[in-house]
Amino acid sequence: MLELNKVTVVIEPDADEQPALHKAKQVAKLADCELELLLAEYNSYLEDGYYFDPVQAQKLRYEHGDRRMEELQALADSLREQGLEVSCTTAWGNPPHLEIVSRIKESRPGLVIKSTRHHSKVARLLLSNEDWELVRYCPVPLLLVKSQDWSREPVFVAAVDPDHQHDKPAALDNKLIATAQTMARLAEGSVHLYHSSWVPPLSGVYPLVTDADAENQKLSELAERFEVSPDNCHWSNEEISHGLPAQVQELGASVVVMGAVSRSRLDRLLVGNTAERVMDNLECDVLVVKPEKMPALNQILV
C-alpha cells in the first residue's frame, strides 16, 4: 500500500523549469502530506586539488552549498505560502544518485518525484543517466514526470503480468494495482489494467499463437480480486514496448504504474529491463514500483 506521509521531489540544478516540483505540489495538496525538496549534485571543479588547494576548495563548496540552500528556500517559501509543509535538503557526492538514494533511506518518504525526458539508447547502455540509476536503486515508489499535466479525471494504467513471464515477482502485480488505486482515489481518477501476452517467436521466425480466452480469464481473475471493472482490462499480443504506449495513447492515460526489478550490471547489459525498454516510448508520467524485498545496493553493483 502506498503511504503518502511525505513526498520527496528531486530538484534539477540550474533548470529553468521544474516539472517534478509542479507535480509534487499537486500530489502534496491531494494527500495533505509534507514535501521535501532535495537537490543533489557534484562538480569535480570544486574538489580538493582539482583547481584549488583543499582549504580554498572546501570554502568554495560551502559557499556553493549555501547558495543552493537559498535557492531551495526560495522555492519552499512560495509553497509554504500556499499552506504546504516543506523542508529542504542539499547533498554533495559523486555520483549524485547515490546521495539521493542515501537521503531517501534516511528520510523514508512514501514517494519520490523526479523530472525526466527522452534519453538515447547510448545513455542507457553506458549506465550514466541518473534517471535510470534511480529506477534501479530507489527503495520507494518513483514517479518520473514529463511536462504534461494530469487530466481532470486522470487514468492510471497498471502494467501487470499475470503470466509472470517477464522477471517480476508474483506479488508485484498486487502492489502495482494497489498503488494505482491509491493514486486514483486521491486524484479522483480511474484504474485500468494492461497485460502484454507477447513472447519471443520460436527460433526468431514463427510467432506463438495466443489463447485469447485464457488471457482474458487470467486478467479477469486478477481484476476481480481488486474490484477493477472488466471494461478497464486490456491485453494485447504485441511486445510491451509497442503495445503499452499504444494503449496509453488510446486511453489518454496520465500515469503508467509499472514494476522494475534491479539486476547486476552484467545482467543489465545482456538482458535489459522491461521498464527501460518501455519508458522512452511513453509520453505520460511513469510510476515505478519495486518488489517488497530488494537486493542490497552493494549486491546490485556487482
C-alpha atoms as a PDB file:
ATOM      1  CA  MET A   1       0.000   0.000   0.000  1.00  0.00           C
ATOM      2  CA  LEU A   2       1.303   3.438  -0.958  1.00  0.00           C
ATOM      3  CA  GLU A   3       1.602   5.645   2.140  1.00  0.00           C
ATOM      4  CA  LEU A   4       1.978   9.316   1.260  1.00  0.00           C
ATOM      5  CA  ASN A   5       3.120  10.767   4.575  1.00  0.00           C
ATOM      6  CA  LYS A   6       5.959  12.601   2.860  1.00  0.00           C
ATOM      7  CA  VAL A   7       6.888  13.247  -0.770  1.00  0.00           C
ATOM      8  CA  THR A   8      10.479  13.934  -1.798  1.00  0.00           C
ATOM      9  CA  VAL A   9      10.943  15.914  -5.007  1.00  0.00           C
ATOM     10  CA  VAL A  10      14.322  15.908  -6.736  1.00  0.00           C
ATOM     11  CA  ILE A  11      15.169  19.442  -7.831  1.00  0.00           C
ATOM     12  CA  GLU A  12      17.164  19.809 -11.055  1.00  0.00           C
ATOM     13  CA  PRO A  13      20.149  22.165 -10.523  1.00  0.00           C
ATOM     14  CA  ASP A  14      20.037  25.321 -12.688  1.00  0.00           C
ATOM     15  CA  ALA A  15      16.926  24.160 -14.595  1.00  0.00           C
ATOM     16  CA  ASP A  16      14.593  26.857 -15.925  1.00  0.00           C
ATOM     17  CA  GLU A  17      11.563  24.656 -15.268  1.00  0.00           C
ATOM     18  CA  GLN A  18      10.851  22.128 -12.546  1.00  0.00           C
ATOM     19  CA  PRO A  19       8.049  19.793 -13.769  1.00  0.00           C
ATOM     20  CA  ALA A  20       8.635  17.488 -10.800  1.00  0.00           C
ATOM     21  CA  LEU A  21       8.023  20.319  -8.341  1.00  0.00           C
ATOM     22  CA  HIS A  22       4.785  21.269 -10.094  1.00  0.00           C
ATOM     23  CA  LYS A  23       3.536  17.661  -9.937  1.00  0.00           C
ATOM     24  CA  ALA A  24       4.754  17.225  -6.352  1.00  0.00           C
ATOM     25  CA  LYS A  25       2.749  20.269  -5.290  1.00  0.00           C
ATOM     26  CA  GLN A  26      -0.383  18.695  -6.778  1.00  0.00           C
ATOM     27  CA  VAL A  27       0.239  15.373  -5.036  1.00  0.00           C
ATOM     28  CA  ALA A  28       1.030  17.040  -1.683  1.00  0.00           C
ATOM     29  CA  LYS A  29      -2.216  19.002  -1.788  1.00  0.00           C
ATOM     30  CA  LEU A  30      -4.231  15.912  -2.688  1.00  0.00           C
ATOM     31  CA  ALA A  31      -2.612  13.760   0.001  1.00  0.00           C
ATOM     32  CA  ASP A  32      -2.192  16.536   2.590  1.00  0.00           C
ATOM     33  CA  CYS A  33       1.408  15.488   3.177  1.00  0.00           C
ATOM     34  CA  GLU A  34       4.827  17.057   3.738  1.00  0.00           C
ATOM     35  CA  LEU A  35       7.119  17.964   0.852  1.00  0.00           C
ATOM     36  CA  GLU A  36      10.888  17.599   0.921  1.00  0.00           C
ATOM     37  CA  LEU A  37      12.922  19.463  -1.708  1.00  0.00           C
ATOM     38  CA  LEU A  38      16.146  17.564  -2.412  1.00  0.00           C
ATOM     39  CA  LEU A  39      18.995  18.866  -4.549  1.00  0.00           C
ATOM     40  CA  ALA A  40      21.993  16.576  -5.039  1.00  0.00           C
ATOM     41  CA  GLU A  41      24.944  17.417  -7.246  1.00  0.00           C
ATOM     42  CA  TYR A  42      28.666  17.053  -7.818  1.00  0.00           C
ATOM     43  CA  ASN A  43      31.257  19.108  -9.684  1.00  0.00           C
ATOM     44  CA  SER A  44      34.875  17.974  -9.900  1.00  0.00           C
ATOM     45  CA  TYR A  45      35.876  21.621 -10.319  1.00  0.00           C
ATOM     46  CA  LEU A  46      35.218  22.129  -6.619  1.00  0.00           C
ATOM     47  CA  GLU A  47      37.033  19.020  -5.460  1.00  0.00           C
ATOM     48  CA  ASP A  48      40.257  19.236  -3.434  1.00  0.00           C
ATOM     49  CA  GLY A  49      43.309  19.729  -5.610  1.00  0.00           C
ATOM     50  CA  TYR A  50      41.468  19.885  -8.931  1.00  0.00           C
ATOM     51  CA  TYR A  51      41.924  23.621  -9.456  1.00  0.00           C
ATOM     52  CA  PHE A  52      42.252  24.824  -5.881  1.00  0.00           C
ATOM     53  CA  ASP A  53      44.108  23.824  -2.764  1.00  0.00           C
ATOM     54  CA  PRO A  54      42.000  21.812  -0.262  1.00  0.00           C
ATOM     55  CA  VAL A  55      41.233  24.769   2.003  1.00  0.00           C
ATOM     56  CA  GLN A  56      40.092  27.001  -0.856  1.00  0.00           C
ATOM     57  CA  ALA A  57      38.107  24.167  -2.462  1.00  0.00           C
ATOM     58  CA  GLN A  58      36.281  23.463   0.782  1.00  0.00           C
ATOM     59  CA  LYS A  59      35.430  27.133   1.201  1.00  0.00           C
ATOM     60  CA  LEU A  60      34.049  27.307  -2.328  1.00  0.00           C
ATOM     61  CA  ARG A  61      31.972  24.158  -1.767  1.00  0.00           C
ATOM     62  CA  TYR A  62      30.468  25.637   1.392  1.00  0.00           C
ATOM     63  CA  GLU A  63      29.644  28.876  -0.428  1.00  0.00           C
ATOM     64  CA  HIS A  64      28.133  26.915  -3.300  1.00  0.00           C
ATOM     65  CA  GLY A  65      26.076  24.840  -0.868  1.00  0.00           C
ATOM     66  CA  ASP A  66      24.810  27.988   0.865  1.00  0.00           C
ATOM     67  CA  ARG A  67      23.647  29.400  -2.467  1.00  0.00           C
ATOM     68  CA  ARG A  68      21.865  26.163  -3.321  1.00  0.00           C
ATOM     69  CA  MET A  69      20.083  26.175   0.031  1.00  0.00           C
ATOM     70  CA  GLU A  70      18.979  29.771  -0.527  1.00  0.00           C
ATOM     71  CA  GLU A  71      17.545  28.740  -3.909  1.00  0.00           C
ATOM     72  CA  LEU A  72      15.685  25.828  -2.329  1.00  0.00           C
ATOM     73  CA  GLN A  73      14.324  28.019   0.464  1.00  0.00           C
ATOM     74  CA  ALA A  74      13.019  30.470  -2.113  1.00  0.00           C
ATOM     75  CA  LEU A  75      11.120  27.631  -3.815  1.00  0.00           C
ATOM     76  CA  ALA A  76       9.931  26.363  -0.437  1.00  0.00           C
ATOM     77  CA  ASP A  77       8.679  29.794   0.690  1.00  0.00           C
ATOM     78  CA  SER A  78       6.344  30.055  -2.290  1.00  0.00           C
ATOM     79  CA  LEU A  79       4.915  26.622  -1.430  1.00  0.00           C
ATOM     80  CA  ARG A  80       4.564  27.476   2.255  1.00  0.00           C
ATOM     81  CA  GLU A  81       2.502  30.499   1.275  1.00  0.00           C
ATOM     82  CA  GLN A  82       0.073  28.008  -0.272  1.00  0.00           C
ATOM     83  CA  GLY A  83      -0.262  26.148   3.025  1.00  0.00           C
ATOM     84  CA  LEU A  84       2.182  23.315   2.386  1.00  0.00           C
ATOM     85  CA  GLU A  85       4.704  21.985   4.886  1.00  0.00           C
ATOM     86  CA  VAL A  86       8.100  22.000   3.167  1.00  0.00           C
ATOM     87  CA  SER A  87      11.651  21.053   4.170  1.00  0.00           C
ATOM     88  CA  CYS A  88      14.867  21.469   2.170  1.00  0.00           C
ATOM     89  CA  THR A  89      17.940  19.252   1.822  1.00  0.00           C
ATOM     90  CA  THR A  90      21.117  19.552  -0.229  1.00  0.00           C
ATOM     91  CA  ALA A  91      23.659  16.808  -0.862  1.00  0.00           C
ATOM     92  CA  TRP A  92      27.094  16.634  -2.480  1.00  0.00           C
ATOM     93  CA  GLY A  93      28.667  13.473  -3.827  1.00  0.00           C
ATOM     94  CA  ASN A  94      29.784  11.502  -6.835  1.00  0.00           C
ATOM     95  CA  PRO A  95      27.621  10.102  -8.331  1.00  0.00           C
ATOM     96  CA  PRO A  96      24.679  12.250  -7.174  1.00  0.00           C
ATOM     97  CA  HIS A  97      22.118   9.447  -7.479  1.00  0.00           C
ATOM     98  CA  LEU A  98      23.805   7.585  -4.622  1.00  0.00           C
ATOM     99  CA  GLU A  99      23.381  10.671  -2.441  1.00  0.00           C
ATOM    100  CA  ILE A 100      19.707  10.787  -3.407  1.00  0.00           C
ATOM    101  CA  VAL A 101      19.241   7.113  -2.507  1.00  0.00           C
ATOM    102  CA  SER A 102      21.073   7.610   0.781  1.00  0.00           C
ATOM    103  CA  ARG A 103      18.845  10.550   1.714  1.00  0.00           C
ATOM    104  CA  ILE A 104      15.704   8.630   0.770  1.00  0.00           C
ATOM    105  CA  LYS A 105      16.716   5.788   3.069  1.00  0.00           C
ATOM    106  CA  GLU A 106      17.164   8.299   5.900  1.00  0.00           C
ATOM    107  CA  SER A 107      14.007  10.355   5.424  1.00  0.00           C
ATOM    108  CA  ARG A 108      11.739   7.453   4.349  1.00  0.00           C
ATOM    109  CA  PRO A 109       9.274   9.299   2.090  1.00  0.00           C
ATOM    110  CA  GLY A 110       6.299   7.460   0.655  1.00  0.00           C
ATOM    111  CA  LEU A 111       7.074   8.702  -2.858  1.00  0.00           C
ATOM    112  CA  VAL A 112       9.932  10.293  -4.800  1.00  0.00           C
ATOM    113  CA  ILE A 113       9.154  12.559  -7.758  1.00  0.00           C
ATOM    114  CA  LYS A 114      11.697  13.473 -10.428  1.00  0.00           C
ATOM    115  CA  SER A 115      11.555  15.165 -13.818  1.00  0.00           C
ATOM    116  CA  THR A 116      12.642  13.140 -16.812  1.00  0.00           C
ATOM    117  CA  ARG A 117      12.955  13.469 -20.556  1.00  0.00           C
ATOM    118  CA  HIS A 118      13.821  11.302 -23.562  1.00  0.00           C
ATOM    119  CA  HIS A 119      17.164   9.512 -23.371  1.00  0.00           C
ATOM    120  CA  SER A 120      19.167   7.817 -26.079  1.00  0.00           C
ATOM    121  CA  LYS A 121      19.997   4.104 -26.097  1.00  0.00           C
ATOM    122  CA  VAL A 122      23.653   5.031 -25.720  1.00  0.00           C
ATOM    123  CA  ALA A 123      22.943   6.761 -22.409  1.00  0.00           C
ATOM    124  CA  ARG A 124      21.230   3.646 -21.087  1.00  0.00           C
ATOM    125  CA  LEU A 125      23.968   1.334 -22.342  1.00  0.00           C
ATOM    126  CA  LEU A 126      26.657   3.362 -20.601  1.00  0.00           C
ATOM    127  CA  LEU A 127      24.648   3.359 -17.355  1.00  0.00           C
ATOM    128  CA  SER A 128      25.398   7.043 -16.961  1.00  0.00           C
ATOM    129  CA  ASN A 129      21.939   8.510 -16.649  1.00  0.00           C
ATOM    130  CA  GLU A 130      20.643   9.461 -13.221  1.00  0.00           C
ATOM    131  CA  ASP A 131      17.047   8.598 -14.082  1.00  0.00           C
ATOM    132  CA  TRP A 132      17.865   5.003 -14.923  1.00  0.00           C
ATOM    133  CA  GLU A 133      20.016   4.628 -11.829  1.00  0.00           C
ATOM    134  CA  LEU A 134      17.136   5.794  -9.641  1.00  0.00           C
ATOM    135  CA  VAL A 135      14.790   3.384 -11.416  1.00  0.00           C
ATOM    136  CA  ARG A 136      17.139   0.603 -10.303  1.00  0.00           C
ATOM    137  CA  TYR A 137      18.077   1.718  -6.809  1.00  0.00           C
ATOM    138  CA  CYS A 138      15.331   3.954  -5.401  1.00  0.00           C
ATOM    139  CA  PRO A 139      13.865   1.946  -2.478  1.00  0.00           C
ATOM    140  CA  VAL A 140      10.414   3.641  -2.597  1.00  0.00           C
ATOM    141  CA  PRO A 141       7.965   4.286  -5.465  1.00  0.00           C
ATOM    142  CA  LEU A 142       9.485   6.688  -8.008  1.00  0.00           C
ATOM    143  CA  LEU A 143       7.293   8.976 -10.116  1.00  0.00           C
ATOM    144  CA  LEU A 144       9.120  10.137 -13.238  1.00  0.00           C
ATOM    145  CA  VAL A 145       7.216  13.084 -14.655  1.00  0.00           C
ATOM    146  CA  LYS A 146       7.253  14.785 -18.000  1.00  0.00           C
ATOM    147  CA  SER A 147       5.779  18.174 -18.796  1.00  0.00           C
ATOM    148  CA  GLN A 148       2.135  17.162 -19.337  1.00  0.00           C
ATOM    149  CA  ASP A 149      -0.469  17.956 -16.688  1.00  0.00           C
ATOM    150  CA  TRP A 150      -2.782  15.210 -15.498  1.00  0.00           C
ATOM    151  CA  SER A 151      -6.297  15.318 -16.893  1.00  0.00           C
ATOM    152  CA  ARG A 152      -9.231  16.354 -14.714  1.00  0.00           C
ATOM    153  CA  GLU A 153     -10.113  12.675 -14.102  1.00  0.00           C
ATOM    154  CA  PRO A 154      -6.735  11.015 -14.677  1.00  0.00           C
ATOM    155  CA  VAL A 155      -6.401   7.443 -15.896  1.00  0.00           C
ATOM    156  CA  PHE A 156      -3.821   5.270 -14.127  1.00  0.00           C
ATOM    157  CA  VAL A 157      -2.719   2.196 -16.081  1.00  0.00           C
ATOM    158  CA  ALA A 158      -1.156  -0.656 -14.096  1.00  0.00           C
ATOM    159  CA  ALA A 159       1.101  -2.735 -16.364  1.00  0.00           C
ATOM    160  CA  VAL A 160       0.569  -6.208 -14.909  1.00  0.00           C
ATOM    161  CA  ASP A 161       1.847  -9.637 -15.860  1.00  0.00           C
ATOM    162  CA  PRO A 162      -0.457 -12.449 -14.707  1.00  0.00           C
ATOM    163  CA  ASP A 163       1.749 -14.909 -16.612  1.00  0.00           C
ATOM    164  CA  HIS A 164       4.828 -13.756 -14.650  1.00  0.00           C
ATOM    165  CA  GLN A 165       6.973 -14.361 -17.689  1.00  0.00           C
ATOM    166  CA  HIS A 166       8.814 -11.034 -17.563  1.00  0.00           C
ATOM    167  CA  ASP A 167      11.020 -11.442 -14.497  1.00  0.00           C
ATOM    168  CA  LYS A 168       8.715  -9.889 -11.894  1.00  0.00           C
ATOM    169  CA  PRO A 169       7.794 -11.441  -8.549  1.00  0.00           C
ATOM    170  CA  ALA A 170       4.194 -12.661  -8.431  1.00  0.00           C
ATOM    171  CA  ALA A 171       3.306 -10.326  -5.543  1.00  0.00           C
ATOM    172  CA  LEU A 172       4.412  -7.283  -7.543  1.00  0.00           C
ATOM    173  CA  ASP A 173       1.214  -7.250  -9.626  1.00  0.00           C
ATOM    174  CA  ASN A 174      -0.827  -6.857  -6.446  1.00  0.00           C
ATOM    175  CA  LYS A 175       1.376  -3.977  -5.349  1.00  0.00           C
ATOM    176  CA  LEU A 176       1.098  -2.261  -8.730  1.00  0.00           C
ATOM    177  CA  ILE A 177      -2.685  -2.365  -8.726  1.00  0.00           C
ATOM    178  CA  ALA A 178      -2.968  -1.251  -5.098  1.00  0.00           C
ATOM    179  CA  THR A 179      -0.610   1.666  -5.799  1.00  0.00           C
ATOM    180  CA  ALA A 180      -2.588   2.697  -8.880  1.00  0.00           C
ATOM    181  CA  GLN A 181      -5.824   2.572  -6.883  1.00  0.00           C
ATOM    182  CA  THR A 182      -4.378   4.721  -4.099  1.00  0.00           C
ATOM    183  CA  MET A 183      -3.293   7.377  -6.585  1.00  0.00           C
ATOM    184  CA  ALA A 184      -6.610   7.202  -8.419  1.00  0.00           C
ATOM    185  CA  ARG A 185      -8.581   7.732  -5.214  1.00  0.00           C
ATOM    186  CA  LEU A 186      -6.503  10.800  -4.368  1.00  0.00           C
ATOM    187  CA  ALA A 187      -6.846  12.300  -7.850  1.00  0.00           C
ATOM    188  CA  GLU A 188     -10.448  11.161  -8.393  1.00  0.00           C
ATOM    189  CA  GLY A 189      -9.349   9.143 -11.380  1.00  0.00           C
ATOM    190  CA  SER A 190      -9.744   5.577 -12.626  1.00  0.00           C
ATOM    191  CA  VAL A 191      -7.590   2.449 -12.831  1.00  0.00           C
ATOM    192  CA  HIS A 192      -7.043   0.308 -15.905  1.00  0.00           C
ATOM    193  CA  LEU A 193      -5.013  -2.891 -16.244  1.00  0.00           C
ATOM    194  CA  TYR A 194      -2.811  -3.729 -19.205  1.00  0.00           C
ATOM    195  CA  HIS A 195      -1.089  -7.021 -19.975  1.00  0.00           C
ATOM    196  CA  SER A 196       1.164  -7.944 -22.882  1.00  0.00           C
ATOM    197  CA  SER A 197       0.981 -11.657 -23.710  1.00  0.00           C
ATOM    198  CA  TRP A 198       3.769 -11.384 -26.266  1.00  0.00           C
ATOM    199  CA  VAL A 199       6.568 -13.941 -26.123  1.00  0.00           C
ATOM    200  CA  PRO A 200       9.601 -14.132 -28.436  1.00  0.00           C
ATOM    201  CA  PRO A 201       8.906 -16.119 -31.634  1.00  0.00           C
ATOM    202  CA  LEU A 202      10.263 -19.645 -31.874  1.00  0.00           C
ATOM    203  CA  SER A 203      13.708 -19.643 -33.496  1.00  0.00           C
ATOM    204  CA  GLY A 204      13.152 -15.959 -34.178  1.00  0.00           C
ATOM    205  CA  VAL A 205      10.796 -16.809 -37.062  1.00  0.00           C
ATOM    206  CA  TYR A 206       7.369 -18.150 -36.080  1.00  0.00           C
ATOM    207  CA  PRO A 207       5.215 -16.172 -33.638  1.00  0.00           C
ATOM    208  CA  LEU A 208       3.359 -18.154 -30.980  1.00  0.00           C
ATOM    209  CA  VAL A 209      -0.446 -18.305 -31.178  1.00  0.00           C
ATOM    210  CA  THR A 210      -2.107 -16.594 -28.206  1.00  0.00           C
ATOM    211  CA  ASP A 211      -5.034 -18.267 -26.460  1.00  0.00           C
ATOM    212  CA  ALA A 212      -7.385 -15.276 -26.212  1.00  0.00           C
ATOM    213  CA  ASP A 213      -9.820 -16.980 -23.828  1.00  0.00           C
ATOM    214  CA  ALA A 214      -7.036 -17.934 -21.450  1.00  0.00           C
ATOM    215  CA  GLU A 215      -5.561 -14.428 -21.472  1.00  0.00           C
ATOM    216  CA  ASN A 216      -8.960 -12.866 -20.791  1.00  0.00           C
ATOM    217  CA  GLN A 217      -9.573 -15.308 -17.959  1.00  0.00           C
ATOM    218  CA  LYS A 218      -6.229 -14.630 -16.231  1.00  0.00           C
ATOM    219  CA  LEU A 219      -6.605 -10.870 -16.463  1.00  0.00           C
ATOM    220  CA  SER A 220     -10.255 -11.002 -15.350  1.00  0.00           C
ATOM    221  CA  GLU A 221      -9.367 -13.060 -12.269  1.00  0.00           C
ATOM    222  CA  LEU A 222      -6.673 -10.561 -11.303  1.00  0.00           C
ATOM    223  CA  ALA A 223      -9.037  -7.612 -11.852  1.00  0.00           C
ATOM    224  CA  GLU A 224     -11.815  -9.247  -9.855  1.00  0.00           C
ATOM    225  CA  ARG A 225      -9.604  -9.529  -6.770  1.00  0.00           C
ATOM    226  CA  PHE A 226      -9.151  -5.755  -6.824  1.00  0.00           C
ATOM    227  CA  GLU A 227     -12.664  -4.861  -7.973  1.00  0.00           C
ATOM    228  CA  VAL A 228     -11.447  -3.414 -11.259  1.00  0.00           C
ATOM    229  CA  SER A 229     -14.152  -3.263 -13.928  1.00  0.00           C
ATOM    230  CA  PRO A 230     -13.784  -5.796 -16.780  1.00  0.00           C
ATOM    231  CA  ASP A 231     -14.213  -2.846 -19.159  1.00  0.00           C
ATOM    232  CA  ASN A 232     -10.958  -1.452 -17.757  1.00  0.00           C
ATOM    233  CA  CYS A 233      -8.923  -4.571 -18.586  1.00  0.00           C
ATOM    234  CA  HIS A 234      -6.811  -4.634 -21.734  1.00  0.00           C
ATOM    235  CA  TRP A 235      -4.301  -7.050 -23.196  1.00  0.00           C
ATOM    236  CA  SER A 236      -2.508  -7.476 -26.479  1.00  0.00           C
ATOM    237  CA  ASN A 237      -0.064  -9.893 -28.078  1.00  0.00           C
ATOM    238  CA  GLU A 238       2.227  -7.031 -29.087  1.00  0.00           C
ATOM    239  CA  GLU A 239       5.620  -6.598 -27.476  1.00  0.00           C
ATOM    240  CA  ILE A 240       5.057  -4.374 -24.437  1.00  0.00           C
ATOM    241  CA  SER A 241       7.313  -1.541 -25.615  1.00  0.00           C
ATOM    242  CA  HIS A 242       4.867  -1.041 -28.518  1.00  0.00           C
ATOM    243  CA  GLY A 243       1.573  -2.304 -27.143  1.00  0.00           C
ATOM    244  CA  LEU A 244       1.572  -0.389 -23.867  1.00  0.00           C
ATOM    245  CA  PRO A 245       2.286   3.075 -25.372  1.00  0.00           C
ATOM    246  CA  ALA A 246      -0.461   2.467 -27.937  1.00  0.00           C
ATOM    247  CA  GLN A 247      -2.946   1.555 -25.197  1.00  0.00           C
ATOM    248  CA  VAL A 248      -1.920   4.552 -23.110  1.00  0.00           C
ATOM    249  CA  GLN A 249      -2.494   6.857 -26.050  1.00  0.00           C
ATOM    250  CA  GLU A 250      -5.910   5.325 -26.742  1.00  0.00           C
ATOM    251  CA  LEU A 251      -6.987   5.796 -23.118  1.00  0.00           C
ATOM    252  CA  GLY A 252      -5.426   9.249 -22.766  1.00  0.00           C
ATOM    253  CA  ALA A 253      -3.740   7.956 -19.625  1.00  0.00           C
ATOM    254  CA  SER A 254      -1.881  10.311 -17.305  1.00  0.00           C
ATOM    255  CA  VAL A 255       0.261   7.744 -15.473  1.00  0.00           C
ATOM    256  CA  VAL A 256       1.561   4.230 -16.102  1.00  0.00           C
ATOM    257  CA  VAL A 257       2.311   2.223 -12.960  1.00  0.00           C
ATOM    258  CA  MET A 258       4.907  -0.424 -13.686  1.00  0.00           C
ATOM    259  CA  GLY A 259       7.347  -2.659 -11.876  1.00  0.00           C
ATOM    260  CA  ALA A 260      11.111  -2.746 -12.101  1.00  0.00           C
ATOM    261  CA  VAL A 261      13.453  -5.428 -10.789  1.00  0.00           C
ATOM    262  CA  SER A 262      17.081  -4.461 -10.161  1.00  0.00           C
ATOM    263  CA  ARG A 263      19.748  -6.516 -11.877  1.00  0.00           C
ATOM    264  CA  SER A 264      23.508  -6.799 -11.792  1.00  0.00           C
ATOM    265  CA  ARG A 265      25.393  -4.630 -14.273  1.00  0.00           C
ATOM    266  CA  LEU A 266      26.359  -7.596 -16.442  1.00  0.00           C
ATOM    267  CA  ASP A 267      22.781  -8.852 -16.493  1.00  0.00           C
ATOM    268  CA  ARG A 268      21.510  -5.398 -17.456  1.00  0.00           C
ATOM    269  CA  LEU A 269      23.851  -5.263 -20.425  1.00  0.00           C
ATOM    270  CA  LEU A 270      22.881  -8.719 -21.660  1.00  0.00           C
ATOM    271  CA  VAL A 271      19.170  -8.749 -20.934  1.00  0.00           C
ATOM    272  CA  GLY A 272      17.996  -5.213 -20.272  1.00  0.00           C
ATOM    273  CA  ASN A 273      14.992  -4.220 -18.184  1.00  0.00           C
ATOM    274  CA  THR A 274      11.340  -4.010 -19.200  1.00  0.00           C
ATOM    275  CA  ALA A 275      10.994  -0.588 -17.599  1.00  0.00           C
ATOM    276  CA  GLU A 276      13.893   0.749 -19.647  1.00  0.00           C
ATOM    277  CA  ARG A 277      12.603  -0.655 -22.936  1.00  0.00           C
ATOM    278  CA  VAL A 278       9.174   0.852 -22.410  1.00  0.00           C
ATOM    279  CA  MET A 279       9.707   4.158 -20.658  1.00  0.00           C
ATOM    280  CA  ASP A 280      11.093   6.225 -23.512  1.00  0.00           C
ATOM    281  CA  ASN A 281       8.100   5.299 -25.671  1.00  0.00           C
ATOM    282  CA  LEU A 282       5.607   6.668 -23.143  1.00  0.00           C
ATOM    283  CA  GLU A 283       4.517  10.293 -23.293  1.00  0.00           C
ATOM    284  CA  CYS A 284       2.827  10.191 -19.888  1.00  0.00           C
ATOM    285  CA  ASP A 285       4.264  10.043 -16.370  1.00  0.00           C
ATOM    286  CA  VAL A 286       5.611   6.711 -15.101  1.00  0.00           C
ATOM    287  CA  LEU A 287       5.316   5.486 -11.520  1.00  0.00           C
ATOM    288  CA  VAL A 288       7.953   2.809 -10.896  1.00  0.00           C
ATOM    289  CA  VAL A 289       7.262   0.356  -8.071  1.00  0.00           C
ATOM    290  CA  LYS A 290       9.722  -2.184  -6.668  1.00  0.00           C
ATOM    291  CA  PRO A 291       9.143  -5.576  -5.025  1.00  0.00           C
ATOM    292  CA  GLU A 292       8.907  -5.671  -1.238  1.00  0.00           C
ATOM    293  CA  LYS A 293      12.358  -7.231  -0.942  1.00  0.00           C
ATOM    294  CA  MET A 294      15.110  -5.506  -2.878  1.00  0.00           C
ATOM    295  CA  PRO A 295      18.727  -6.692  -3.056  1.00  0.00           C
ATOM    296  CA  ALA A 296      21.269  -4.651  -1.150  1.00  0.00           C
ATOM    297  CA  LEU A 297      22.914  -1.869  -3.146  1.00  0.00           C
ATOM    298  CA  ASN A 298      26.346  -3.480  -2.886  1.00  0.00           C
ATOM    299  CA  GLN A 299      24.863  -6.651  -4.414  1.00  0.00           C
ATOM    300  CA  ILE A 300      23.259  -4.724  -7.286  1.00  0.00           C
ATOM    301  CA  LEU A 301      26.539  -3.021  -8.123  1.00  0.00           C
ATOM    302  CA  VAL A 302      28.349  -6.308  -8.806  1.00  0.00           C
END
